[in-house]
Amino acid sequence: MNAHDLDLAALTRLPADAAPPRLPVSDVSYVVEDTAIGRMLLAVRPDGALLASAFTPDTAAEDAWLVRLARQISPRVLRAPKATDDARRELAAYLEGQVRDWHTPVDLALLTDFQRTVLTTLAEHVGYGERSTYAALAAEVERPRAARAVGAALGANPLCVRLPCHRVLASSGALTGYAGGLEAKRYLLDLEARG
């Protein structure tokens, strides 16, 4: 008998009514969705709090986000669409113009301290359908000369759409960089303007 035969013999001795093994809940569940604004990765904690809503135009970008989640949150990252149902439904409803306010809680664990300041200030002070500028947001966070740093913090936003970095424009009013591309930014601004 070889080792393979022993494994098969052990399996055949399991009771017929034996329950399948239970795997522990993942620390991070994720799904990748094609949305109206592009391909996005949604990641949640076991309690449903949103860790990431990030643009992943290709598998390399998806892999980079999975590595980031594994390094910064937990190595127990599992593709589990059902666990992300609430976040997926809410994002879809938002992109269809059916809801303005989010109810899915967020976990800011992937944000730096400066990003936390910038993005929470943005979320608190620039509402649905409103717009701001990098300079105005820099002044709001009491760093009036840090418009570029504010832009960099917004550019690395791991919670796109949910924390509305798309609402920030250049001082001239021009659309500038957005993780999902300028078409996605325009879509979101137009959607909110109609709302």
C-alpha atoms as a PDB file:
ATOM      1  CA  MET A   1       0.000   0.000   0.000  1.00  0.00           C
ATOM      2  CA  ASN A   2       1.188   3.488  -0.732  1.00  0.00           C
ATOM      3  CA  ALA A   3       0.336   6.735   1.130  1.00  0.00           C
ATOM      4  CA  HIS A   4      -2.440   7.556  -1.328  1.00  0.00           C
ATOM      5  CA  ASP A   5      -4.216   4.273  -0.618  1.00  0.00           C
ATOM      6  CA  LEU A   6      -4.060   4.923   3.142  1.00  0.00           C
ATOM      7  CA  ASP A   7      -5.765   8.305   2.726  1.00  0.00           C
ATOM      8  CA  LEU A   8      -8.567   6.722   0.703  1.00  0.00           C
ATOM      9  CA  ALA A   9      -9.021   3.959   3.261  1.00  0.00           C
ATOM     10  CA  ALA A  10      -9.317   6.502   6.079  1.00  0.00           C
ATOM     11  CA  LEU A  11     -11.966   8.425   4.137  1.00  0.00           C
ATOM     12  CA  THR A  12     -14.059   5.332   3.544  1.00  0.00           C
ATOM     13  CA  ARG A  13     -14.264   4.719   7.325  1.00  0.00           C
ATOM     14  CA  LEU A  14     -16.007   8.060   8.005  1.00  0.00           C
ATOM     15  CA  PRO A  15     -19.564   7.591   9.300  1.00  0.00           C
ATOM     16  CA  ALA A  16     -22.206   8.139   6.650  1.00  0.00           C
ATOM     17  CA  ASP A  17     -23.834  10.910   8.703  1.00  0.00           C
ATOM     18  CA  ALA A  18     -20.567  12.808   9.351  1.00  0.00           C
ATOM     19  CA  ALA A  19     -20.919  16.546   8.782  1.00  0.00           C
ATOM     20  CA  PRO A  20     -18.571  18.215   6.343  1.00  0.00           C
ATOM     21  CA  PRO A  21     -15.741  20.142   7.968  1.00  0.00           C
ATOM     22  CA  ARG A  22     -16.559  23.734   8.969  1.00  0.00           C
ATOM     23  CA  LEU A  23     -14.072  26.298   7.844  1.00  0.00           C
ATOM     24  CA  PRO A  24     -13.580  29.441   9.925  1.00  0.00           C
ATOM     25  CA  VAL A  25     -15.119  32.668   8.696  1.00  0.00           C
ATOM     26  CA  SER A  26     -12.726  34.735   6.631  1.00  0.00           C
ATOM     27  CA  ASP A  27     -11.391  37.965   8.115  1.00  0.00           C
ATOM     28  CA  VAL A  28     -11.867  39.637   4.720  1.00  0.00           C
ATOM     29  CA  SER A  29     -14.453  38.606   2.141  1.00  0.00           C
ATOM     30  CA  TYR A  30     -14.349  40.111  -1.322  1.00  0.00           C
ATOM     31  CA  VAL A  31     -15.894  40.092  -4.750  1.00  0.00           C
ATOM     32  CA  VAL A  32     -15.007  41.723  -8.055  1.00  0.00           C
ATOM     33  CA  GLU A  33     -17.953  43.277  -9.887  1.00  0.00           C
ATOM     34  CA  ASP A  34     -18.437  44.887 -13.270  1.00  0.00           C
ATOM     35  CA  THR A  35     -20.260  48.138 -12.516  1.00  0.00           C
ATOM     36  CA  ALA A  36     -21.527  51.097 -14.526  1.00  0.00           C
ATOM     37  CA  ILE A  37     -18.253  52.880 -13.753  1.00  0.00           C
ATOM     38  CA  GLY A  38     -15.838  49.992 -14.195  1.00  0.00           C
ATOM     39  CA  ARG A  39     -14.597  46.813 -12.596  1.00  0.00           C
ATOM     40  CA  MET A  40     -14.476  47.157  -8.806  1.00  0.00           C
ATOM     41  CA  LEU A  41     -13.312  45.048  -5.906  1.00  0.00           C
ATOM     42  CA  LEU A  42     -15.501  45.221  -2.791  1.00  0.00           C
ATOM     43  CA  ALA A  43     -14.049  43.855   0.450  1.00  0.00           C
ATOM     44  CA  VAL A  44     -15.834  43.552   3.783  1.00  0.00           C
ATOM     45  CA  ARG A  45     -15.166  42.402   7.331  1.00  0.00           C
ATOM     46  CA  PRO A  46     -17.244  39.553   8.809  1.00  0.00           C
ATOM     47  CA  ASP A  47     -19.671  42.127  10.264  1.00  0.00           C
ATOM     48  CA  GLY A  48     -20.235  43.629   6.783  1.00  0.00           C
ATOM     49  CA  ALA A  49     -18.227  46.836   7.272  1.00  0.00           C
ATOM     50  CA  LEU A  50     -16.699  47.929   3.971  1.00  0.00           C
ATOM     51  CA  LEU A  51     -12.894  47.828   3.867  1.00  0.00           C
ATOM     52  CA  ALA A  52     -12.424  48.582   0.178  1.00  0.00           C
ATOM     53  CA  SER A  53     -14.344  49.630  -2.896  1.00  0.00           C
ATOM     54  CA  ALA A  54     -11.510  49.931  -5.351  1.00  0.00           C
ATOM     55  CA  PHE A  55     -11.167  50.031  -9.100  1.00  0.00           C
ATOM     56  CA  THR A  56      -9.511  46.906 -10.493  1.00  0.00           C
ATOM     57  CA  PRO A  57      -9.406  47.210 -14.280  1.00  0.00           C
ATOM     58  CA  ASP A  58      -7.355  44.016 -14.641  1.00  0.00           C
ATOM     59  CA  THR A  59      -6.144  41.003 -12.683  1.00  0.00           C
ATOM     60  CA  ALA A  60      -2.856  42.729 -11.796  1.00  0.00           C
ATOM     61  CA  ALA A  61      -4.776  45.510 -10.036  1.00  0.00           C
ATOM     62  CA  GLU A  62      -7.005  42.924  -8.345  1.00  0.00           C
ATOM     63  CA  ASP A  63      -3.964  40.987  -7.149  1.00  0.00           C
ATOM     64  CA  ALA A  64      -2.371  44.188  -5.815  1.00  0.00           C
ATOM     65  CA  TRP A  65      -5.494  44.935  -3.751  1.00  0.00           C
ATOM     66  CA  LEU A  66      -5.613  41.378  -2.413  1.00  0.00           C
ATOM     67  CA  VAL A  67      -1.972  41.623  -1.346  1.00  0.00           C
ATOM     68  CA  ARG A  68      -2.682  44.967   0.336  1.00  0.00           C
ATOM     69  CA  LEU A  69      -5.682  43.532   2.192  1.00  0.00           C
ATOM     70  CA  ALA A  70      -3.653  40.493   3.274  1.00  0.00           C
ATOM     71  CA  ARG A  71      -0.770  42.641   4.515  1.00  0.00           C
ATOM     72  CA  GLN A  72      -2.741  45.400   6.215  1.00  0.00           C
ATOM     73  CA  ILE A  73      -5.840  43.577   7.477  1.00  0.00           C
ATOM     74  CA  SER A  74      -5.397  39.796   7.575  1.00  0.00           C
ATOM     75  CA  PRO A  75      -3.949  37.025   5.422  1.00  0.00           C
ATOM     76  CA  ARG A  76      -7.370  35.322   5.627  1.00  0.00           C
ATOM     77  CA  VAL A  77      -8.863  36.878   2.478  1.00  0.00           C
ATOM     78  CA  LEU A  78     -11.518  34.868   0.679  1.00  0.00           C
ATOM     79  CA  ARG A  79     -13.586  35.466  -2.451  1.00  0.00           C
ATOM     80  CA  ALA A  80     -17.063  35.252  -0.961  1.00  0.00           C
ATOM     81  CA  PRO A  81     -19.728  37.091  -2.990  1.00  0.00           C
ATOM     82  CA  LYS A  82     -22.549  36.295  -0.545  1.00  0.00           C
ATOM     83  CA  ALA A  83     -20.723  38.043   2.313  1.00  0.00           C
ATOM     84  CA  THR A  84     -20.547  41.195   0.191  1.00  0.00           C
ATOM     85  CA  ASP A  85     -24.240  41.202  -0.819  1.00  0.00           C
ATOM     86  CA  ASP A  86     -25.217  44.281   1.211  1.00  0.00           C
ATOM     87  CA  ALA A  87     -22.317  46.368  -0.092  1.00  0.00           C
ATOM     88  CA  ARG A  88     -22.903  45.172  -3.666  1.00  0.00           C
ATOM     89  CA  ARG A  89     -26.614  45.994  -3.560  1.00  0.00           C
ATOM     90  CA  GLU A  90     -25.971  49.418  -2.086  1.00  0.00           C
ATOM     91  CA  LEU A  91     -23.303  50.273  -4.670  1.00  0.00           C
ATOM     92  CA  ALA A  92     -25.589  49.149  -7.510  1.00  0.00           C
ATOM     93  CA  ALA A  93     -28.502  51.189  -6.139  1.00  0.00           C
ATOM     94  CA  TYR A  94     -26.245  54.219  -5.778  1.00  0.00           C
ATOM     95  CA  LEU A  95     -24.952  53.906  -9.343  1.00  0.00           C
ATOM     96  CA  GLU A  96     -28.533  53.610 -10.611  1.00  0.00           C
ATOM     97  CA  GLY A  97     -29.507  56.802  -8.765  1.00  0.00           C
ATOM     98  CA  GLN A  98     -31.898  54.963  -6.442  1.00  0.00           C
ATOM     99  CA  VAL A  99     -30.160  55.955  -3.179  1.00  0.00           C
ATOM    100  CA  ARG A 100     -28.103  58.947  -2.083  1.00  0.00           C
ATOM    101  CA  ASP A 101     -27.054  57.887   1.384  1.00  0.00           C
ATOM    102  CA  TRP A 102     -24.987  54.874   2.336  1.00  0.00           C
ATOM    103  CA  HIS A 103     -25.927  52.619   5.215  1.00  0.00           C
ATOM    104  CA  THR A 104     -23.089  50.122   4.934  1.00  0.00           C
ATOM    105  CA  PRO A 105     -20.556  51.056   7.625  1.00  0.00           C
ATOM    106  CA  VAL A 106     -16.934  51.574   6.655  1.00  0.00           C
ATOM    107  CA  ASP A 107     -13.716  50.432   8.241  1.00  0.00           C
ATOM    108  CA  LEU A 108     -10.931  52.982   7.707  1.00  0.00           C
ATOM    109  CA  ALA A 109      -8.114  50.514   8.442  1.00  0.00           C
ATOM    110  CA  LEU A 110      -6.522  50.941   4.987  1.00  0.00           C
ATOM    111  CA  LEU A 111      -6.261  54.726   5.316  1.00  0.00           C
ATOM    112  CA  THR A 112      -3.261  56.642   6.600  1.00  0.00           C
ATOM    113  CA  ASP A 113      -3.887  59.236   9.298  1.00  0.00           C
ATOM    114  CA  PHE A 114      -3.770  62.040   6.727  1.00  0.00           C
ATOM    115  CA  GLN A 115      -6.149  60.193   4.398  1.00  0.00           C
ATOM    116  CA  ARG A 116      -8.534  59.697   7.323  1.00  0.00           C
ATOM    117  CA  THR A 117      -8.533  63.425   8.004  1.00  0.00           C
ATOM    118  CA  VAL A 118      -9.005  64.346   4.338  1.00  0.00           C
ATOM    119  CA  LEU A 119     -11.632  61.732   3.460  1.00  0.00           C
ATOM    120  CA  THR A 120     -13.739  62.074   6.584  1.00  0.00           C
ATOM    121  CA  THR A 121     -13.695  65.870   6.214  1.00  0.00           C
ATOM    122  CA  LEU A 122     -14.733  65.470   2.592  1.00  0.00           C
ATOM    123  CA  ALA A 123     -17.559  63.078   3.489  1.00  0.00           C
ATOM    124  CA  GLU A 124     -18.806  65.395   6.245  1.00  0.00           C
ATOM    125  CA  HIS A 125     -18.604  68.685   4.321  1.00  0.00           C
ATOM    126  CA  VAL A 126     -19.252  67.904   0.654  1.00  0.00           C
ATOM    127  CA  GLY A 127     -22.647  66.312   0.216  1.00  0.00           C
ATOM    128  CA  TYR A 128     -24.400  64.510  -2.598  1.00  0.00           C
ATOM    129  CA  GLY A 129     -24.433  66.679  -5.735  1.00  0.00           C
ATOM    130  CA  GLU A 130     -21.938  69.156  -4.292  1.00  0.00           C
ATOM    131  CA  ARG A 131     -18.386  69.762  -5.444  1.00  0.00           C
ATOM    132  CA  SER A 132     -15.217  71.090  -3.921  1.00  0.00           C
ATOM    133  CA  THR A 133     -11.647  71.772  -4.988  1.00  0.00           C
ATOM    134  CA  TYR A 134      -8.346  70.380  -3.780  1.00  0.00           C
ATOM    135  CA  ALA A 135      -7.415  73.840  -2.435  1.00  0.00           C
ATOM    136  CA  ALA A 136     -10.729  74.259  -0.584  1.00  0.00           C
ATOM    137  CA  LEU A 137     -10.408  70.812   0.951  1.00  0.00           C
ATOM    138  CA  ALA A 138      -6.807  71.559   1.968  1.00  0.00           C
ATOM    139  CA  ALA A 139      -8.028  74.711   3.716  1.00  0.00           C
ATOM    140  CA  GLU A 140     -10.822  72.715   5.378  1.00  0.00           C
ATOM    141  CA  VAL A 141      -8.289  70.305   6.909  1.00  0.00           C
ATOM    142  CA  GLU A 142      -6.196  73.301   8.035  1.00  0.00           C
ATOM    143  CA  ARG A 143      -3.386  72.608   5.581  1.00  0.00           C
ATOM    144  CA  PRO A 144      -4.002  75.432   3.062  1.00  0.00           C
ATOM    145  CA  ARG A 145      -0.724  74.869   1.210  1.00  0.00           C
ATOM    146  CA  ALA A 146      -1.243  71.119   0.901  1.00  0.00           C
ATOM    147  CA  ALA A 147      -3.548  70.905  -2.122  1.00  0.00           C
ATOM    148  CA  ARG A 148      -1.185  68.415  -3.805  1.00  0.00           C
ATOM    149  CA  ALA A 149      -0.982  66.265  -0.666  1.00  0.00           C
ATOM    150  CA  VAL A 150      -4.787  66.321  -0.508  1.00  0.00           C
ATOM    151  CA  GLY A 151      -4.866  65.207  -4.154  1.00  0.00           C
ATOM    152  CA  ALA A 152      -2.465  62.361  -3.395  1.00  0.00           C
ATOM    153  CA  ALA A 153      -4.578  61.282  -0.388  1.00  0.00           C
ATOM    154  CA  LEU A 154      -7.697  61.257  -2.565  1.00  0.00           C
ATOM    155  CA  GLY A 155      -5.872  59.425  -5.358  1.00  0.00           C
ATOM    156  CA  ALA A 156      -5.059  56.561  -2.998  1.00  0.00           C
ATOM    157  CA  ASN A 157      -8.607  56.338  -1.593  1.00  0.00           C
ATOM    158  CA  PRO A 158      -9.380  52.645  -0.922  1.00  0.00           C
ATOM    159  CA  LEU A 159     -13.089  53.417  -0.532  1.00  0.00           C
ATOM    160  CA  CYS A 160     -13.925  54.992  -3.894  1.00  0.00           C
ATOM    161  CA  VAL A 161     -17.530  56.109  -4.364  1.00  0.00           C
ATOM    162  CA  ARG A 162     -18.306  55.367  -0.692  1.00  0.00           C
ATOM    163  CA  LEU A 163     -15.917  58.141   0.412  1.00  0.00           C
ATOM    164  CA  PRO A 164     -16.682  60.585  -2.419  1.00  0.00           C
ATOM    165  CA  CYS A 165     -13.294  61.699  -3.765  1.00  0.00           C
ATOM    166  CA  HIS A 166     -14.994  62.095  -7.174  1.00  0.00           C
ATOM    167  CA  ARG A 167     -16.551  65.338  -5.863  1.00  0.00           C
ATOM    168  CA  VAL A 168     -13.192  67.127  -5.795  1.00  0.00           C
ATOM    169  CA  LEU A 169     -12.124  69.124  -8.847  1.00  0.00           C
ATOM    170  CA  ALA A 170      -9.260  71.382  -9.862  1.00  0.00           C
ATOM    171  CA  SER A 171      -9.587  75.052  -8.881  1.00  0.00           C
ATOM    172  CA  SER A 172     -10.456  75.784 -12.509  1.00  0.00           C
ATOM    173  CA  GLY A 173     -13.392  73.375 -12.264  1.00  0.00           C
ATOM    174  CA  ALA A 174     -11.682  70.894 -14.576  1.00  0.00           C
ATOM    175  CA  LEU A 175     -11.966  67.174 -13.996  1.00  0.00           C
ATOM    176  CA  THR A 176      -8.643  65.803 -12.864  1.00  0.00           C
ATOM    177  CA  GLY A 177      -7.321  62.376 -11.937  1.00  0.00           C
ATOM    178  CA  TYR A 178      -9.564  59.669 -10.571  1.00  0.00           C
ATOM    179  CA  ALA A 179      -8.701  56.040  -9.819  1.00  0.00           C
ATOM    180  CA  GLY A 180     -11.518  54.815 -12.067  1.00  0.00           C
ATOM    181  CA  GLY A 181     -10.649  57.263 -14.857  1.00  0.00           C
ATOM    182  CA  LEU A 182     -12.221  60.540 -15.874  1.00  0.00           C
ATOM    183  CA  GLU A 183     -15.244  58.874 -17.492  1.00  0.00           C
ATOM    184  CA  ALA A 184     -16.143  57.248 -14.176  1.00  0.00           C
ATOM    185  CA  LYS A 185     -15.700  60.579 -12.382  1.00  0.00           C
ATOM    186  CA  ARG A 186     -17.895  62.324 -14.954  1.00  0.00           C
ATOM    187  CA  TYR A 187     -20.531  59.585 -14.630  1.00  0.00           C
ATOM    188  CA  LEU A 188     -20.671  60.012 -10.844  1.00  0.00           C
ATOM    189  CA  LEU A 189     -20.810  63.814 -10.993  1.00  0.00           C
ATOM    190  CA  ASP A 190     -23.538  63.739 -13.656  1.00  0.00           C
ATOM    191  CA  LEU A 191     -25.486  61.131 -11.677  1.00  0.00           C
ATOM    192  CA  GLU A 192     -25.387  63.274  -8.555  1.00  0.00           C
ATOM    193  CA  ALA A 193     -26.212  66.460 -10.480  1.00  0.00           C
ATOM    194  CA  ARG A 194     -29.393  64.814 -11.824  1.00  0.00           C
ATOM    195  CA  GLY A 195     -30.331  63.524  -8.368  1.00  0.00           C
END
